[in-house]
Amino acid sequence: MDFLNGKIKKIYFKYLAAAFGSALITSIYSIVDMAMVGKYHGPEGSAALAVVAPVWNIIYSFGLLMGIGGSVLFSTARGKAEGKEKKSNEYFTASVIGSIFLAVMIWLIVIFFDRELLLMFGAEDHTLSLAREYVNPIKFAIPFFLFNQMLAAYLRNDKNPALATGAVLAGGIFNIFGDYFFVFTCDMGAYGAGLATAIGSGITFVAMMTHFLMKKNTLRLVKPTKLFQKLGEISVTGFSTFFIDVAMGILTILFNRQIMKYLDTNALAVYGVIVNISTFAQCCAYSVGQASQPILSMNFGAGKGDRIRETLKYALGTTAFFGIVWTVLSLTVPNMFIHIFMTPTEEVLQIAPTIFRCYGISFLLLPLNIFSTYYFQALMKPRAAFIVSVARGLIVSGILIYLLPVTAGADSIWFAMPITEAIVAVYVIYAMAKYTKQLKSQTV
């Protein structure tokens, strides 16, 4: 597959199919868990998994930090000097070393401080016991989740997107059937859902490692020069993608706390479902970014601006499609999602449509805003990517989550994200037009 000379349309949609499958199955991990635990334990089970959601965001985000940050530099280096692999593999080696350090650090924190973490994320009373029950088996598989994110990014950039998708698919299929078996057949409840997810992540990791046995593999562990400098470059380049997932965890914490302060457990249970639908929409946006990034990075390294513009055209069309689909579903069939993820009470069914229709408007612009961070990273514009990720993930959204309930009533909190996405989209469109215009029209 020739990123520098092949047909952009063919390469993009081939990568999109693989990235979409991978992102879809990744989101299914948490979605199936939410559905099974919600059916088994009722709204309290859904609320408990809403509390656990930030744990996933933190783990995945560090994998993306090393994976996306390193693979952008990996492909840019190869675009500048096609055929010379040592420098690009120095970034791969640095990513592996960084991932090992981060995995050990997160592993120890979750093992020894899970109770404190879950309380900080908004757990109360019975939701805390259910959340800890779910997390217990996952503690032992935490490094797999981080490494799977990192390896998937490099496999796509090493022209093996199908294996990245197949590996995630294998683990995801086990998780789906394992969830039902452990939760209901073995009557394990939340613990069973966590166990199935842990085993599924191990299956994915083993499958991805087979890439290193293939002839097409060009990833090598080499001695990196200036290791700490390279880790710094990877962190700066990957920070925005990293922060998108961290921010989702931060926003979940803020929402959890504000919902329990101004509303009640039923509203939290509905929000737990929204978190999963938002994860689905966000994963669709990831797939566009992950499909585009290898093409964009290598062509940027080679100075081929026209090919970048063509890739951008397909990516923007795809983000528009995903945005419309998720917005329409949220506005038209909100209670369908509620029935999928839990055995609802009458109170939950009464409040869910209004909540979904208010919050769901944000899905229209969410794919564009998330894709933009991948685009800016590939064009080596980390400042623009940083502004987008921090504004939508913390500053603008955080202010609105705290300000709206005080100034406009408790239910206005559901408009925090639609307003945030609209404000951020204005900057995204401006910056994207500016940096695209600066690209060279001639191939170099």
Protein backbone atom coordinates (compact mmCIF):
# COMPACT_ATOMS: atom_id res chain seq x y z
CA MET A 1 0.00 0.00 0.00
CA ASP A 2 1.68 3.20 -1.25
CA PHE A 3 0.72 6.21 0.89
CA LEU A 4 2.71 8.60 -1.31
CA ASN A 5 1.57 7.55 -4.79
CA GLY A 6 -1.47 5.24 -4.48
CA LYS A 7 -5.09 6.32 -5.00
CA ILE A 8 -6.16 8.28 -1.92
CA LYS A 9 -9.82 7.23 -2.11
CA LYS A 10 -8.98 3.52 -2.16
CA ILE A 11 -6.41 3.77 0.65
CA TYR A 12 -8.61 6.01 2.83
CA PHE A 13 -11.72 3.83 2.69
CA LYS A 14 -9.71 0.65 3.20
CA TYR A 15 -8.18 2.17 6.31
CA LEU A 16 -11.52 3.63 7.40
CA ALA A 17 -13.17 0.20 7.27
CA ALA A 18 -10.39 -1.29 9.41
CA ALA A 19 -10.26 1.66 11.84
CA PHE A 20 -14.06 1.77 12.16
CA GLY A 21 -14.21 -1.94 12.95
CA SER A 22 -11.48 -1.57 15.53
CA ALA A 23 -13.05 1.51 17.15
CA LEU A 24 -16.51 -0.07 17.08
CA ILE A 25 -15.43 -3.22 18.87
CA THR A 26 -13.40 -1.22 21.40
CA SER A 27 -16.49 0.78 22.33
CA ILE A 28 -18.52 -2.42 22.49
CA TYR A 29 -16.38 -3.55 25.43
CA SER A 30 -17.85 -0.90 27.71
CA ILE A 31 -21.25 -0.85 26.00
CA VAL A 32 -21.87 -4.59 26.40
CA ASP A 33 -20.66 -4.40 30.00
CA MET A 34 -23.09 -1.55 30.68
CA ALA A 35 -25.96 -3.43 29.03
CA MET A 36 -25.31 -6.71 30.88
CA VAL A 37 -24.72 -5.12 34.28
CA GLY A 38 -27.71 -2.80 33.76
CA LYS A 39 -29.95 -5.76 32.94
CA TYR A 40 -28.64 -7.76 35.91
CA HIS A 41 -28.54 -5.06 38.59
CA GLY A 42 -31.00 -2.49 37.16
CA PRO A 43 -30.40 1.31 37.16
CA GLU A 44 -27.92 0.97 40.03
CA GLY A 45 -25.74 -1.23 37.82
CA SER A 46 -25.81 1.36 35.02
CA ALA A 47 -24.97 4.11 37.53
CA ALA A 48 -22.05 2.03 38.86
CA LEU A 49 -20.55 1.60 35.39
CA ALA A 50 -20.98 5.32 34.74
CA VAL A 51 -18.71 5.81 37.75
CA VAL A 52 -16.16 3.35 36.30
CA ALA A 53 -16.14 5.05 32.87
CA PRO A 54 -13.35 7.54 33.76
CA VAL A 55 -11.05 4.60 34.60
CA TRP A 56 -11.33 3.40 30.99
CA ASN A 57 -10.77 6.90 29.66
CA ILE A 58 -7.56 7.30 31.66
CA ILE A 59 -6.14 3.90 30.65
CA TYR A 60 -6.99 4.27 26.96
CA SER A 61 -5.74 7.86 26.84
CA PHE A 62 -2.21 6.91 27.91
CA GLY A 63 -2.16 4.21 25.23
CA LEU A 64 -3.19 6.82 22.66
CA LEU A 65 -0.55 9.25 23.97
CA MET A 66 2.25 6.81 23.17
CA GLY A 67 0.56 5.24 20.13
CA ILE A 68 -0.76 8.23 18.18
CA GLY A 69 2.04 10.55 19.28
CA GLY A 70 4.73 8.08 18.32
CA SER A 71 3.13 6.80 15.11
CA VAL A 72 2.64 10.34 13.73
CA LEU A 73 6.38 10.94 14.11
CA PHE A 74 7.09 7.41 12.84
CA SER A 75 5.21 8.02 9.56
CA THR A 76 6.44 11.60 9.12
CA ALA A 77 10.04 10.34 9.41
CA ARG A 78 9.38 7.70 6.75
CA GLY A 79 7.75 10.26 4.46
CA LYS A 80 10.87 12.42 4.63
CA ALA A 81 13.25 9.52 4.08
CA GLU A 82 11.35 6.63 2.55
CA GLY A 83 13.11 3.32 3.04
CA LYS A 84 15.21 4.47 5.99
CA GLU A 85 13.67 2.74 8.97
CA LYS A 86 16.07 3.26 11.87
CA LYS A 87 14.98 6.77 12.82
CA SER A 88 11.29 5.88 12.62
CA ASN A 89 11.88 2.77 14.75
CA GLU A 90 13.56 4.89 17.39
CA TYR A 91 10.14 6.48 17.92
CA PHE A 92 8.55 3.02 18.09
CA THR A 93 11.06 1.89 20.70
CA ALA A 94 10.54 5.07 22.72
CA SER A 95 6.76 4.47 22.61
CA VAL A 96 7.22 0.92 23.94
CA ILE A 97 9.43 2.14 26.79
CA GLY A 98 7.01 4.94 27.63
CA SER A 99 4.06 2.53 27.55
CA ILE A 100 5.76 0.13 29.96
CA PHE A 101 6.41 2.95 32.45
CA LEU A 102 2.85 4.31 32.23
CA ALA A 103 1.26 0.84 32.44
CA VAL A 104 3.14 0.00 35.63
CA MET A 105 2.26 3.36 37.18
CA ILE A 106 -1.48 3.09 36.40
CA TRP A 107 -1.51 -0.59 37.40
CA LEU A 108 -0.21 0.19 40.89
CA ILE A 109 -2.62 3.10 41.39
CA VAL A 110 -5.71 1.09 40.42
CA ILE A 111 -4.66 -1.97 42.44
CA PHE A 112 -4.02 -0.09 45.66
CA PHE A 113 -6.32 2.94 45.40
CA ASP A 114 -9.40 1.72 43.51
CA ARG A 115 -11.80 2.70 46.31
CA GLU A 116 -10.42 6.23 46.53
CA LEU A 117 -10.53 6.60 42.73
CA LEU A 118 -14.15 5.49 42.46
CA LEU A 119 -15.22 7.81 45.29
CA MET A 120 -13.49 10.66 43.50
CA PHE A 121 -15.33 9.71 40.30
CA GLY A 122 -18.71 10.08 42.02
CA ALA A 123 -19.47 6.65 43.56
CA GLU A 124 -21.87 6.55 46.50
CA ASP A 125 -23.17 3.74 48.71
CA HIS A 126 -24.26 0.72 46.63
CA THR A 127 -22.78 2.08 43.37
CA LEU A 128 -19.35 1.93 45.04
CA SER A 129 -19.64 -1.76 45.92
CA LEU A 130 -20.90 -2.65 42.43
CA ALA A 131 -18.18 -0.55 40.77
CA ARG A 132 -15.43 -2.23 42.85
CA GLU A 133 -16.91 -5.63 42.08
CA TYR A 134 -16.61 -4.86 38.35
CA VAL A 135 -13.08 -3.43 38.62
CA ASN A 136 -11.60 -6.30 40.68
CA PRO A 137 -10.81 -8.70 37.79
CA ILE A 138 -9.84 -5.81 35.48
CA LYS A 139 -7.01 -4.82 37.84
CA PHE A 140 -4.94 -7.73 36.60
CA ALA A 141 -5.28 -6.87 32.90
CA ILE A 142 -4.65 -3.10 32.93
CA PRO A 143 -1.35 -3.21 30.94
CA PHE A 144 -3.13 -5.04 28.10
CA PHE A 145 -5.62 -2.20 27.59
CA LEU A 146 -2.85 0.40 27.35
CA PHE A 147 -0.61 -1.67 25.07
CA ASN A 148 -3.51 -2.58 22.78
CA GLN A 149 -4.13 1.10 22.04
CA MET A 150 -0.44 1.77 21.41
CA LEU A 151 0.10 -1.29 19.21
CA ALA A 152 -3.04 -0.67 17.13
CA ALA A 153 -1.75 2.78 16.16
CA TYR A 154 1.61 1.39 15.05
CA LEU A 155 0.08 -1.54 13.17
CA ARG A 156 -2.01 0.90 11.11
CA ASN A 157 1.10 2.95 10.32
CA ASP A 158 3.03 -0.23 9.48
CA LYS A 159 0.41 -1.00 6.80
CA ASN A 160 -1.37 -3.76 8.71
CA PRO A 161 -4.73 -2.21 9.70
CA ALA A 162 -6.54 -5.51 9.15
CA LEU A 163 -4.65 -7.23 11.98
CA ALA A 164 -5.34 -4.33 14.36
CA THR A 165 -9.04 -4.70 13.58
CA GLY A 166 -9.00 -8.51 13.70
CA ALA A 167 -7.24 -8.54 17.06
CA VAL A 168 -9.74 -6.14 18.62
CA LEU A 169 -12.58 -8.09 16.98
CA ALA A 170 -11.37 -11.37 18.52
CA GLY A 171 -11.23 -9.88 22.00
CA GLY A 172 -14.54 -8.08 21.51
CA ILE A 173 -16.41 -11.20 20.37
CA PHE A 174 -15.14 -13.08 23.40
CA ASN A 175 -16.21 -10.19 25.61
CA ILE A 176 -19.76 -10.22 24.23
CA PHE A 177 -20.34 -13.93 24.76
CA GLY A 178 -18.21 -14.00 27.91
CA ASP A 179 -20.29 -11.22 29.43
CA TYR A 180 -23.51 -13.19 29.03
CA PHE A 181 -21.91 -16.41 30.23
CA PHE A 182 -20.24 -14.99 33.33
CA VAL A 183 -22.93 -12.43 34.27
CA PHE A 184 -26.05 -14.57 33.82
CA THR A 185 -25.13 -18.23 33.31
CA CYS A 186 -22.54 -18.20 36.12
CA ASP A 187 -24.58 -15.62 38.08
CA MET A 188 -21.48 -13.47 38.72
CA GLY A 189 -23.12 -10.11 38.03
CA ALA A 190 -20.78 -7.12 37.75
CA TYR A 191 -17.72 -9.22 38.58
CA GLY A 192 -18.45 -11.48 35.61
CA ALA A 193 -18.63 -8.52 33.22
CA GLY A 194 -15.25 -7.32 34.46
CA LEU A 195 -13.78 -10.81 34.09
CA ALA A 196 -14.95 -11.15 30.47
CA THR A 197 -13.50 -7.75 29.61
CA ALA A 198 -10.14 -8.61 31.21
CA ILE A 199 -9.83 -11.90 29.30
CA GLY A 200 -10.92 -10.23 26.04
CA SER A 201 -8.14 -7.65 26.35
CA GLY A 202 -5.60 -10.44 26.77
CA ILE A 203 -6.84 -12.14 23.60
CA THR A 204 -6.51 -8.86 21.66
CA PHE A 205 -2.94 -8.36 22.91
CA VAL A 206 -1.81 -11.86 21.90
CA ALA A 207 -3.36 -11.44 18.43
CA MET A 208 -1.63 -8.10 17.86
CA MET A 209 1.74 -9.53 18.82
CA THR A 210 1.55 -11.90 15.84
CA HIS A 211 2.38 -8.88 13.63
CA PHE A 212 5.99 -9.19 14.76
CA LEU A 213 6.15 -12.72 13.29
CA MET A 214 5.09 -11.57 9.81
CA LYS A 215 7.37 -10.77 6.88
CA LYS A 216 5.60 -7.44 6.28
CA ASN A 217 6.56 -6.24 9.78
CA THR A 218 9.01 -3.31 9.71
CA LEU A 219 8.69 -2.41 13.41
CA ARG A 220 11.94 -3.06 15.26
CA LEU A 221 13.23 -2.37 18.73
CA VAL A 222 16.40 -0.32 18.29
CA LYS A 223 18.57 1.71 20.61
CA PRO A 224 17.00 5.19 20.55
CA THR A 225 19.24 8.23 20.58
CA LYS A 226 18.14 10.97 23.00
CA LEU A 227 15.39 8.82 24.51
CA PHE A 228 13.95 11.50 26.79
CA GLN A 229 13.86 14.01 23.95
CA LYS A 230 11.94 11.53 21.82
CA LEU A 231 9.53 10.79 24.66
CA GLY A 232 9.01 14.54 24.92
CA GLU A 233 8.29 14.81 21.18
CA ILE A 234 5.86 11.88 21.38
CA SER A 235 4.08 13.41 24.37
CA VAL A 236 3.73 16.82 22.72
CA THR A 237 2.49 15.32 19.44
CA GLY A 238 0.11 12.87 21.08
CA PHE A 239 -1.11 15.11 23.90
CA SER A 240 -4.29 16.27 22.18
CA THR A 241 -5.49 12.75 21.37
CA PHE A 242 -4.48 11.71 24.88
CA PHE A 243 -6.42 14.58 26.40
CA ILE A 244 -9.58 13.81 24.42
CA ASP A 245 -9.95 10.53 26.31
CA VAL A 246 -8.77 11.98 29.62
CA ALA A 247 -11.25 14.81 29.14
CA MET A 248 -14.08 12.36 28.62
CA GLY A 249 -13.19 10.91 32.01
CA ILE A 250 -12.96 14.38 33.57
CA LEU A 251 -16.31 15.39 32.09
CA THR A 252 -17.89 12.18 33.36
CA ILE A 253 -16.64 12.97 36.87
CA LEU A 254 -17.96 16.55 36.66
CA PHE A 255 -21.32 15.40 35.32
CA ASN A 256 -21.58 12.64 37.94
CA ARG A 257 -21.00 15.10 40.76
CA GLN A 258 -23.32 17.78 39.41
CA ILE A 259 -26.08 15.29 38.62
CA MET A 260 -26.01 13.89 42.14
CA LYS A 261 -25.96 17.44 43.54
CA TYR A 262 -28.83 18.88 41.50
CA LEU A 263 -30.76 15.81 40.26
CA ASP A 264 -30.84 12.14 41.38
CA THR A 265 -29.74 8.53 40.75
CA ASN A 266 -32.26 8.09 37.93
CA ALA A 267 -30.68 10.99 36.04
CA LEU A 268 -27.25 9.47 36.71
CA ALA A 269 -28.43 6.13 35.30
CA VAL A 270 -29.61 7.88 32.11
CA TYR A 271 -26.31 9.73 31.90
CA GLY A 272 -24.54 6.38 32.22
CA VAL A 273 -26.28 5.31 29.01
CA ILE A 274 -25.41 8.63 27.33
CA VAL A 275 -21.75 8.08 28.23
CA ASN A 276 -21.82 4.84 26.26
CA ILE A 277 -23.57 6.37 23.26
CA SER A 278 -21.11 9.26 23.38
CA THR A 279 -18.29 6.70 23.47
CA PHE A 280 -19.77 5.11 20.35
CA ALA A 281 -19.97 8.48 18.56
CA GLN A 282 -16.46 9.36 19.71
CA CYS A 283 -15.10 6.03 18.45
CA CYS A 284 -16.60 6.79 15.03
CA ALA A 285 -14.67 10.05 15.07
CA TYR A 286 -11.53 8.18 16.13
CA SER A 287 -11.91 5.89 13.14
CA VAL A 288 -11.86 8.86 10.75
CA GLY A 289 -8.77 10.27 12.46
CA GLN A 290 -7.01 6.91 12.59
CA ALA A 291 -7.79 6.18 8.92
CA SER A 292 -6.53 9.60 7.82
CA GLN A 293 -3.49 9.99 10.08
CA PRO A 294 -1.02 7.59 8.38
CA ILE A 295 -1.86 9.05 4.95
CA LEU A 296 -1.68 12.64 6.19
CA SER A 297 1.54 12.19 8.18
CA MET A 298 3.52 10.48 5.43
CA ASN A 299 2.37 12.93 2.75
CA PHE A 300 3.09 15.87 5.03
CA GLY A 301 6.61 14.53 5.53
CA ALA A 302 6.97 14.27 1.74
CA GLY A 303 5.48 17.74 1.15
CA LYS A 304 2.53 16.49 -0.93
CA GLY A 305 -0.15 19.07 -0.11
CA ASP A 306 -2.61 18.08 -2.84
CA ARG A 307 -2.85 14.54 -1.47
CA ILE A 308 -3.48 15.93 2.03
CA ARG A 309 -6.33 18.09 0.70
CA GLU A 310 -7.89 15.09 -1.03
CA THR A 311 -7.69 13.03 2.16
CA LEU A 312 -9.25 15.90 4.10
CA LYS A 313 -12.18 15.99 1.66
CA TYR A 314 -13.05 12.36 2.34
CA ALA A 315 -12.53 12.73 6.08
CA LEU A 316 -14.86 15.75 6.37
CA GLY A 317 -17.57 13.92 4.44
CA THR A 318 -17.28 10.96 6.80
CA THR A 319 -17.44 13.12 9.96
CA ALA A 320 -20.57 14.83 8.63
CA PHE A 321 -22.21 11.44 8.02
CA PHE A 322 -21.42 10.14 11.52
CA GLY A 323 -22.56 13.39 13.13
CA ILE A 324 -25.95 13.28 11.41
CA VAL A 325 -26.52 9.58 12.18
CA TRP A 326 -25.87 9.86 15.93
CA THR A 327 -27.83 13.08 16.29
CA VAL A 328 -30.88 11.67 14.50
CA LEU A 329 -30.81 8.48 16.60
CA SER A 330 -30.55 10.45 19.85
CA LEU A 331 -33.48 12.68 18.90
CA THR A 332 -35.78 9.97 17.56
CA VAL A 333 -35.26 6.78 19.62
CA PRO A 334 -33.87 7.74 23.06
CA ASN A 335 -35.77 5.09 25.01
CA MET A 336 -34.51 2.38 22.66
CA PHE A 337 -31.03 3.03 24.07
CA ILE A 338 -32.39 2.94 27.63
CA HIS A 339 -33.98 -0.49 27.05
CA ILE A 340 -30.75 -1.79 25.51
CA PHE A 341 -28.61 -0.81 28.49
CA MET A 342 -30.82 -1.52 31.47
CA THR A 343 -34.13 -2.77 32.81
CA PRO A 344 -35.59 0.71 33.36
CA THR A 345 -38.07 1.96 35.92
CA GLU A 346 -41.01 4.18 34.91
CA GLU A 347 -39.20 7.20 36.35
CA VAL A 348 -36.17 6.56 34.12
CA LEU A 349 -38.33 6.17 30.99
CA GLN A 350 -40.09 9.46 31.75
CA ILE A 351 -36.95 11.58 32.07
CA ALA A 352 -34.72 9.88 29.48
CA PRO A 353 -36.18 11.36 26.23
CA THR A 354 -35.71 14.97 27.34
CA ILE A 355 -32.18 14.34 28.57
CA PHE A 356 -31.17 12.50 25.39
CA ARG A 357 -32.63 15.12 23.07
CA CYS A 358 -30.86 17.97 24.84
CA TYR A 359 -27.47 16.27 25.11
CA GLY A 360 -27.70 14.49 21.74
CA ILE A 361 -27.44 17.72 19.74
CA SER A 362 -23.74 17.72 20.64
CA PHE A 363 -23.17 14.63 18.48
CA LEU A 364 -23.66 16.72 15.31
CA LEU A 365 -20.29 18.50 15.66
CA LEU A 366 -18.46 16.02 17.90
CA PRO A 367 -16.92 13.97 15.03
CA LEU A 368 -15.57 17.09 13.30
CA ASN A 369 -13.99 18.47 16.47
CA ILE A 370 -12.32 15.19 17.40
CA PHE A 371 -11.07 14.51 13.86
CA SER A 372 -9.53 17.98 13.78
CA THR A 373 -7.05 17.03 16.51
CA TYR A 374 -5.73 14.14 14.38
CA TYR A 375 -5.51 16.49 11.38
CA PHE A 376 -3.59 19.17 13.25
CA GLN A 377 -1.26 16.54 14.75
CA ALA A 378 -0.50 15.08 11.32
CA LEU A 379 0.33 18.57 10.02
CA MET A 380 2.62 19.06 13.05
CA LYS A 381 0.41 21.78 14.54
CA PRO A 382 0.23 20.55 18.15
CA ARG A 383 -0.80 24.00 19.45
CA ALA A 384 -4.04 23.98 17.45
CA ALA A 385 -4.78 20.39 18.48
CA PHE A 386 -4.07 21.35 22.10
CA ILE A 387 -6.51 24.28 21.96
CA VAL A 388 -9.29 22.10 20.57
CA SER A 389 -8.85 19.21 23.01
CA VAL A 390 -8.47 21.35 26.14
CA ALA A 391 -11.27 23.78 25.23
CA ARG A 392 -13.86 21.08 24.53
CA GLY A 393 -12.61 18.66 27.16
CA LEU A 394 -12.09 20.92 30.14
CA ILE A 395 -12.24 24.70 29.93
CA VAL A 396 -15.42 25.54 28.00
CA SER A 397 -17.27 22.36 28.97
CA GLY A 398 -16.19 22.51 32.62
CA ILE A 399 -17.32 26.11 33.01
CA LEU A 400 -20.72 25.32 31.47
CA ILE A 401 -21.26 22.17 33.56
CA TYR A 402 -20.84 24.22 36.73
CA LEU A 403 -22.42 27.46 35.53
CA LEU A 404 -25.60 26.31 33.74
CA PRO A 405 -27.34 24.55 36.71
CA VAL A 406 -26.76 27.62 38.88
CA THR A 407 -27.93 30.20 36.36
CA ALA A 408 -30.55 28.35 34.29
CA GLY A 409 -31.79 25.48 36.48
CA ALA A 410 -30.69 21.87 37.05
CA ASP A 411 -31.92 20.50 33.71
CA SER A 412 -29.88 23.03 31.74
CA ILE A 413 -26.77 20.95 32.49
CA TRP A 414 -27.68 18.75 29.50
CA PHE A 415 -26.97 21.67 27.13
CA ALA A 416 -23.36 22.01 28.33
CA MET A 417 -21.89 19.80 25.61
CA PRO A 418 -23.97 21.07 22.64
CA ILE A 419 -22.87 24.63 23.43
CA THR A 420 -19.26 23.50 23.93
CA GLU A 421 -19.10 21.65 20.61
CA ALA A 422 -20.56 24.66 18.75
CA ILE A 423 -18.02 27.09 20.25
CA VAL A 424 -15.08 24.78 19.54
CA ALA A 425 -16.26 24.09 15.96
CA VAL A 426 -15.90 27.80 15.12
CA TYR A 427 -12.19 27.66 15.98
CA VAL A 428 -11.76 24.27 14.25
CA ILE A 429 -13.13 25.54 10.95
CA TYR A 430 -10.97 28.69 11.12
CA ALA A 431 -7.73 26.80 11.97
CA MET A 432 -8.37 23.99 9.50
CA ALA A 433 -8.91 26.46 6.65
CA LYS A 434 -5.79 28.43 7.66
CA TYR A 435 -3.39 25.49 7.84
CA THR A 436 -4.79 23.73 4.77
CA LYS A 437 -4.28 26.90 2.73
CA GLN A 438 -0.61 26.93 3.77
CA LEU A 439 0.06 23.47 2.31
CA LYS A 440 2.20 23.29 -0.82
CA SER A 441 0.18 22.72 -3.97
CA GLN A 442 3.05 21.08 -5.82
CA THR A 443 4.36 17.65 -4.89
CA VAL A 444 7.94 17.69 -3.73
